[in-house]
Protein backbone atom coordinates (compact mmCIF):
# COMPACT_ATOMS: atom_id res chain seq x y z
CA MET A 1 -13.51 -44.89 45.74
CA ASP A 2 -14.50 -41.98 47.49
CA HIS A 3 -17.71 -40.24 46.46
CA ILE A 4 -17.76 -36.55 46.02
CA VAL A 5 -20.68 -35.39 47.78
CA THR A 6 -21.89 -31.48 47.74
CA VAL A 7 -22.48 -30.09 51.77
CA GLN A 8 -25.94 -28.78 52.25
CA ASN A 9 -24.37 -26.11 54.50
CA ALA A 10 -21.82 -24.88 52.05
CA VAL A 11 -24.79 -24.97 49.35
CA THR A 12 -27.25 -22.74 51.45
CA ALA A 13 -24.43 -20.43 52.80
CA PHE A 14 -25.92 -17.17 52.23
CA ALA A 15 -29.49 -18.16 52.57
CA ASP A 16 -31.65 -15.48 53.85
CA PHE A 17 -31.33 -15.54 57.27
CA MET A 18 -28.03 -15.59 57.53
CA GLU A 19 -28.09 -11.46 56.46
CA PRO A 20 -27.09 -8.95 58.79
CA THR A 21 -29.86 -7.51 60.91
CA ASP A 22 -30.65 -3.74 60.77
CA ALA A 23 -29.53 -3.22 64.25
CA GLU A 24 -26.00 -5.16 62.81
CA LEU A 25 -26.31 -2.82 60.01
CA ASP A 26 -26.68 0.57 62.32
CA ALA A 27 -23.79 -0.73 64.52
CA ILE A 28 -21.54 -0.78 61.18
CA GLU A 29 -22.52 2.53 60.15
CA GLN A 30 -22.08 3.94 63.16
CA GLU A 31 -18.08 2.31 63.41
CA MET A 32 -17.30 3.58 59.94
CA PRO A 33 -15.34 6.99 60.69
CA VAL A 34 -13.30 4.13 63.20
CA ILE A 35 -12.75 1.53 60.05
CA LEU A 36 -11.81 4.06 57.30
CA ALA A 37 -9.04 6.17 60.18
CA ASP A 38 -7.82 2.39 60.51
CA VAL A 39 -7.82 1.48 56.91
CA GLU A 40 -6.00 5.48 56.70
CA LEU A 41 -3.35 4.50 59.04
CA LEU A 42 -2.53 0.70 57.69
CA ASP A 43 -2.35 2.75 53.86
CA ALA A 44 0.21 5.33 55.30
CA GLN A 45 2.11 2.29 56.74
CA ILE A 46 2.39 -0.01 54.04
CA ILE A 47 3.63 2.76 51.90
CA THR A 48 6.97 2.47 54.73
CA LEU A 49 7.04 -1.20 54.13
CA ASP A 50 9.72 -1.30 51.73
CA ARG A 51 11.42 1.59 52.14
CA THR A 52 13.13 3.81 54.75
CA PRO A 53 10.42 6.58 55.70
CA THR A 54 10.52 10.01 55.03
CA GLN A 55 10.10 12.71 57.15
CA LEU A 56 6.60 12.96 54.82
CA ASP A 57 5.95 9.86 55.60
CA ALA A 58 6.22 9.73 59.42
CA ARG A 59 4.29 12.83 59.40
CA ARG A 60 1.32 11.00 57.80
CA ILE A 61 2.02 8.20 60.08
CA ARG A 62 1.41 10.42 62.99
CA ARG A 63 -1.56 12.33 61.21
CA ALA A 64 -3.47 8.97 60.38
CA ARG A 65 -3.09 7.82 64.29
CA ARG A 66 -4.07 10.95 65.44
CA ARG A 67 -7.20 10.44 63.47
CA ALA A 68 -7.50 6.84 64.53
CA LEU A 69 -7.60 7.57 67.93
CA ALA A 70 -9.72 11.08 67.32
CA ALA A 71 -12.22 8.55 65.51
CA ARG A 72 -12.24 5.79 68.13
CA VAL A 73 -12.58 8.44 71.35
CA ALA A 74 -15.61 10.28 69.16
CA LEU A 75 -17.68 6.84 68.77
CA VAL A 76 -16.94 5.93 72.27
CA ASN A 77 -17.93 9.01 73.84
CA ARG A 78 -21.46 8.85 71.43
CA ALA A 79 -21.92 5.53 73.25
CA ALA A 80 -21.56 6.89 76.19
CA GLY A 81 -23.66 10.01 75.99
CA ALA A 82 -26.43 7.37 74.59
CA SER A 83 -26.47 4.78 77.52
CA LEU A 84 -26.87 8.03 79.89
CA PRO A 85 -30.15 8.25 81.53
CA GLY A 86 -31.92 11.62 81.77
CA GLY A 87 -31.06 14.87 80.18
CA ALA A 88 -29.30 18.22 80.88
CA ALA A 89 -30.03 19.96 84.18
């Protein structure tokens, strides 16, 4: 007969030391526009899964792709601008 025992790691999986740090939360906050744009794109694509896409659906997907790309470009530009030394001449 096998005995059922608890696993200590599973019981303490949500201990205080496992919380995200302030730096991790700041990074998530910086990436939130990209995350939201990707969710919008996925929503637009999911709508068309069970039917033939209409012209409106195609426009919605194109716009969502552009917003997602623009959000990624803005994030990269912010990161590149923050990492450059010095200031404007």
